[in-house]
């Protein structure tokens, strides 16, 4: 049986310069980050809060062998959005 988890953080104001996505480039403003952890991998997407479309955060997916690591990757994605700078996922 597969183990999986998801985390969503809404209402994050992107730092100056926003955050890079694979599909549409930089997103700025009020964003939501969603991470799905499954099969040893964390897949991170972002959207304008309240929108329907999700976009892959540049640098996703990330290897995350356990749920705790998946949760840490989600938090790193949230921090990446807060910092901005037009960058993709930045892991410590």
Protein backbone atom coordinates (compact mmCIF):
# COMPACT_ATOMS: atom_id res chain seq x y z
CA UNK A 1 0.00 0.00 0.00
CA UNK A 2 1.28 3.46 -0.93
CA UNK A 3 1.70 6.10 1.72
CA UNK A 4 0.93 9.68 0.77
CA UNK A 5 0.22 13.07 2.28
CA UNK A 6 -0.66 16.57 1.13
CA UNK A 7 -0.15 20.03 2.58
CA UNK A 8 -1.64 23.34 1.46
CA UNK A 9 -0.70 26.81 2.65
CA UNK A 10 -2.92 29.66 1.46
CA UNK A 11 -2.53 33.41 1.46
CA UNK A 12 1.21 33.74 1.09
CA UNK A 13 2.34 37.10 -0.23
CA UNK A 14 5.15 36.45 -2.69
CA UNK A 15 8.32 38.38 -2.04
CA UNK A 16 9.55 40.98 -4.49
CA UNK A 17 10.05 39.36 -7.90
CA UNK A 18 7.65 36.49 -7.21
CA UNK A 19 8.32 32.82 -7.74
CA UNK A 20 9.19 30.85 -10.90
CA UNK A 21 6.85 28.21 -12.33
CA UNK A 22 7.50 25.83 -15.22
CA UNK A 23 4.32 26.59 -17.15
CA UNK A 24 3.81 30.36 -16.99
CA UNK A 25 6.98 31.86 -15.59
CA UNK A 26 6.86 34.14 -12.57
CA UNK A 27 3.81 34.42 -10.28
CA UNK A 28 3.48 37.34 -7.87
CA UNK A 29 0.97 38.48 -5.29
CA UNK A 30 -1.27 36.35 -3.06
CA UNK A 31 -0.37 32.69 -3.68
CA UNK A 32 -1.25 29.21 -2.42
CA UNK A 33 1.34 26.41 -2.22
CA UNK A 34 0.27 22.77 -2.42
CA UNK A 35 2.55 19.76 -1.96
CA UNK A 36 1.69 16.15 -2.65
CA UNK A 37 4.08 13.56 -1.21
CA UNK A 38 3.83 10.10 -2.75
CA UNK A 39 6.20 7.39 -3.97
CA UNK A 40 9.19 9.07 -2.26
CA UNK A 41 8.68 12.34 -4.09
CA UNK A 42 7.28 15.77 -3.20
CA UNK A 43 5.44 17.49 -6.03
CA UNK A 44 4.93 21.22 -5.43
CA UNK A 45 2.43 23.43 -7.22
CA UNK A 46 1.41 27.07 -6.75
CA UNK A 47 -1.60 29.11 -7.77
CA UNK A 48 -3.01 32.56 -7.35
CA UNK A 49 -5.10 32.13 -4.19
CA UNK A 50 -8.67 31.38 -5.27
CA UNK A 51 -7.78 30.58 -8.89
CA UNK A 52 -8.44 27.23 -10.56
CA UNK A 53 -5.13 26.72 -12.36
CA UNK A 54 -2.15 25.16 -10.59
CA UNK A 55 1.44 25.59 -11.83
CA UNK A 56 4.51 23.52 -11.07
CA UNK A 57 7.00 25.33 -8.86
CA UNK A 58 10.30 25.35 -10.75
CA UNK A 59 12.54 22.68 -9.22
CA UNK A 60 9.68 20.30 -8.44
CA UNK A 61 9.44 17.35 -7.96
CA UNK A 62 11.95 16.73 -5.19
CA UNK A 63 13.05 13.41 -3.70
CA UNK A 64 11.56 13.01 -0.22
CA UNK A 65 11.96 9.51 1.12
CA UNK A 66 9.67 9.95 4.12
CA UNK A 67 6.67 12.05 5.15
CA UNK A 68 8.71 14.29 7.45
CA UNK A 69 11.00 15.18 4.56
CA UNK A 70 7.96 15.83 2.35
CA UNK A 71 6.62 18.23 4.98
CA UNK A 72 10.01 19.97 5.20
CA UNK A 73 10.05 20.37 1.40
CA UNK A 74 6.58 21.97 1.59
CA UNK A 75 7.80 24.44 4.19
CA UNK A 76 10.86 25.22 2.05
CA UNK A 77 8.50 25.95 -0.86
CA UNK A 78 6.46 28.31 1.32
CA UNK A 79 9.65 30.11 2.34
CA UNK A 80 10.76 30.29 -1.31
CA UNK A 81 7.51 32.09 -2.18
CA UNK A 82 7.92 34.50 0.77
CA UNK A 83 11.48 35.36 -0.30
CA UNK A 84 10.58 35.90 -3.97
CA UNK A 85 13.36 36.94 -6.30
CA UNK A 86 11.83 35.16 -9.30
CA UNK A 87 13.47 31.89 -8.29
CA UNK A 88 12.24 28.33 -8.15
CA UNK A 89 12.40 26.00 -5.17
CA UNK A 90 15.29 26.70 -2.84
CA UNK A 91 16.17 23.91 -0.43
CA UNK A 92 18.35 24.42 2.63
